[in-house]
Structures are given as structure tokens and as C-alpha cells.
């Protein structure tokens, strides 16, 4: 393997590690989609996209969602 290829491979490995670290500890971000919906990035592989009224409906029951999670904690899995 040539020195150029070795250097490129090392650069790509370092870039890959940086991307992995960024995804794990990365903050959530938001964007308005082409269709006018709100997309939240950083929760998984794909963004969570809902229209305004859907987000508002969800936010209105935030306390209920938190209680449900607490009540069913023993059944719910976490993503590592």
C-alpha cells in the first residue's frame, strides 16, 4: 500500500471516529422541511418530522407522556 493510501486511510479513520463521537453526544437541532413541517435531528438515524399542529398536540400531553414513561419504565427499553 502506498504512503498516500495509508495517509488517506488514517485520515478517514479519524474522520469516522469524530463523526461517531458527534452523533453520540450531539445536540438536537431543528429545521423547517420543504413541506413546512418541523424536523428534529439528532434523536436517531432519521429526523422526527411532524407538522405544527401535531407537535402542539404532542406538547400538550407532555406531562402524560412523562407519567406513562415512569409508570412503564420496567417495560421500556433504552437505546444505547
Protein backbone atom coordinates (compact mmCIF):
# COMPACT_ATOMS: atom_id res chain seq x y z
CA UNK A 1 0.00 0.00 0.00
CA UNK A 2 1.39 3.39 -0.95
CA UNK A 3 2.11 6.12 1.59
CA UNK A 4 -0.67 8.27 0.09
CA UNK A 5 -3.20 5.48 0.56
CA UNK A 6 -2.03 4.87 4.14
CA UNK A 7 -2.35 8.57 4.93
CA UNK A 8 -5.83 8.71 3.36
CA UNK A 9 -6.92 5.62 5.28
CA UNK A 10 -5.71 7.15 8.54
CA UNK A 11 -7.49 10.42 7.75
CA UNK A 12 -10.73 8.58 7.03
CA UNK A 13 -10.46 6.57 10.25
CA UNK A 14 -10.00 9.76 12.25
CA UNK A 15 -12.94 11.41 10.47
CA UNK A 16 -15.10 8.35 11.16
CA UNK A 17 -14.25 8.46 14.87
CA UNK A 18 -15.10 12.16 15.05
CA UNK A 19 -18.46 11.53 13.38
CA UNK A 20 -19.26 8.74 15.84
CA UNK A 21 -18.45 10.98 18.80
CA UNK A 22 -20.52 13.83 17.39
CA UNK A 23 -23.59 11.64 16.93
CA UNK A 24 -23.46 10.21 20.45
CA UNK A 25 -23.08 13.47 22.26
CA UNK A 26 -24.59 15.73 19.66
CA UNK A 27 -27.29 18.21 20.47
CA UNK A 28 -30.70 18.16 18.92
CA UNK A 29 -31.32 20.52 16.05
CA UNK A 30 -34.42 21.67 14.20
CA UNK A 31 -35.23 22.62 10.66
CA UNK A 32 -38.34 23.51 8.66
CA UNK A 33 -38.81 20.88 5.96
CA UNK A 34 -39.59 21.62 2.32
CA UNK A 35 -43.24 20.88 3.04
CA UNK A 36 -43.37 23.23 6.03
CA UNK A 37 -43.11 20.66 8.82
CA UNK A 38 -40.74 20.76 11.79
CA UNK A 39 -37.95 18.18 11.68
CA UNK A 40 -35.92 17.40 14.80
CA UNK A 41 -32.50 15.91 14.10
CA UNK A 42 -30.22 14.01 16.46
CA UNK A 43 -32.62 11.53 18.03
CA UNK A 44 -31.83 8.68 15.68
CA UNK A 45 -30.80 7.84 12.18
CA UNK A 46 -33.68 9.79 10.66
CA UNK A 47 -35.27 13.06 11.76
CA UNK A 48 -38.59 13.14 13.60
CA UNK A 49 -40.85 15.24 11.38
CA UNK A 50 -44.33 16.45 12.31
CA UNK A 51 -46.49 19.38 11.29
CA UNK A 52 -47.04 22.27 13.72
CA UNK A 53 -50.43 21.08 14.96
CA UNK A 54 -49.01 17.60 15.58
CA UNK A 55 -46.11 19.00 17.65
CA UNK A 56 -48.51 21.19 19.63
CA UNK A 57 -50.84 18.26 20.30
CA UNK A 58 -47.87 16.20 21.49
CA UNK A 59 -46.50 19.01 23.67
CA UNK A 60 -49.94 19.47 25.27
CA UNK A 61 -49.71 15.96 26.70
CA UNK A 62 -46.01 16.11 27.68
CA UNK A 63 -46.86 15.53 31.37
CA UNK A 64 -48.94 12.47 30.47
CA UNK A 65 -46.10 11.09 28.34
CA UNK A 66 -43.63 11.53 31.20
CA UNK A 67 -46.01 9.81 33.63
CA UNK A 68 -46.55 6.96 31.18
CA UNK A 69 -42.79 6.52 30.83
CA UNK A 70 -42.39 6.48 34.62
CA UNK A 71 -45.24 4.01 35.08
CA UNK A 72 -43.92 1.69 32.38
CA UNK A 73 -40.20 2.14 32.98
CA UNK A 74 -39.77 -1.59 33.66
CA UNK A 75 -41.20 -2.43 30.22
CA UNK A 76 -39.47 0.25 28.15
CA UNK A 77 -36.04 -0.25 26.63
CA UNK A 78 -33.35 2.36 26.18
CA UNK A 79 -31.28 2.76 23.05
CA UNK A 80 -27.56 2.61 23.75
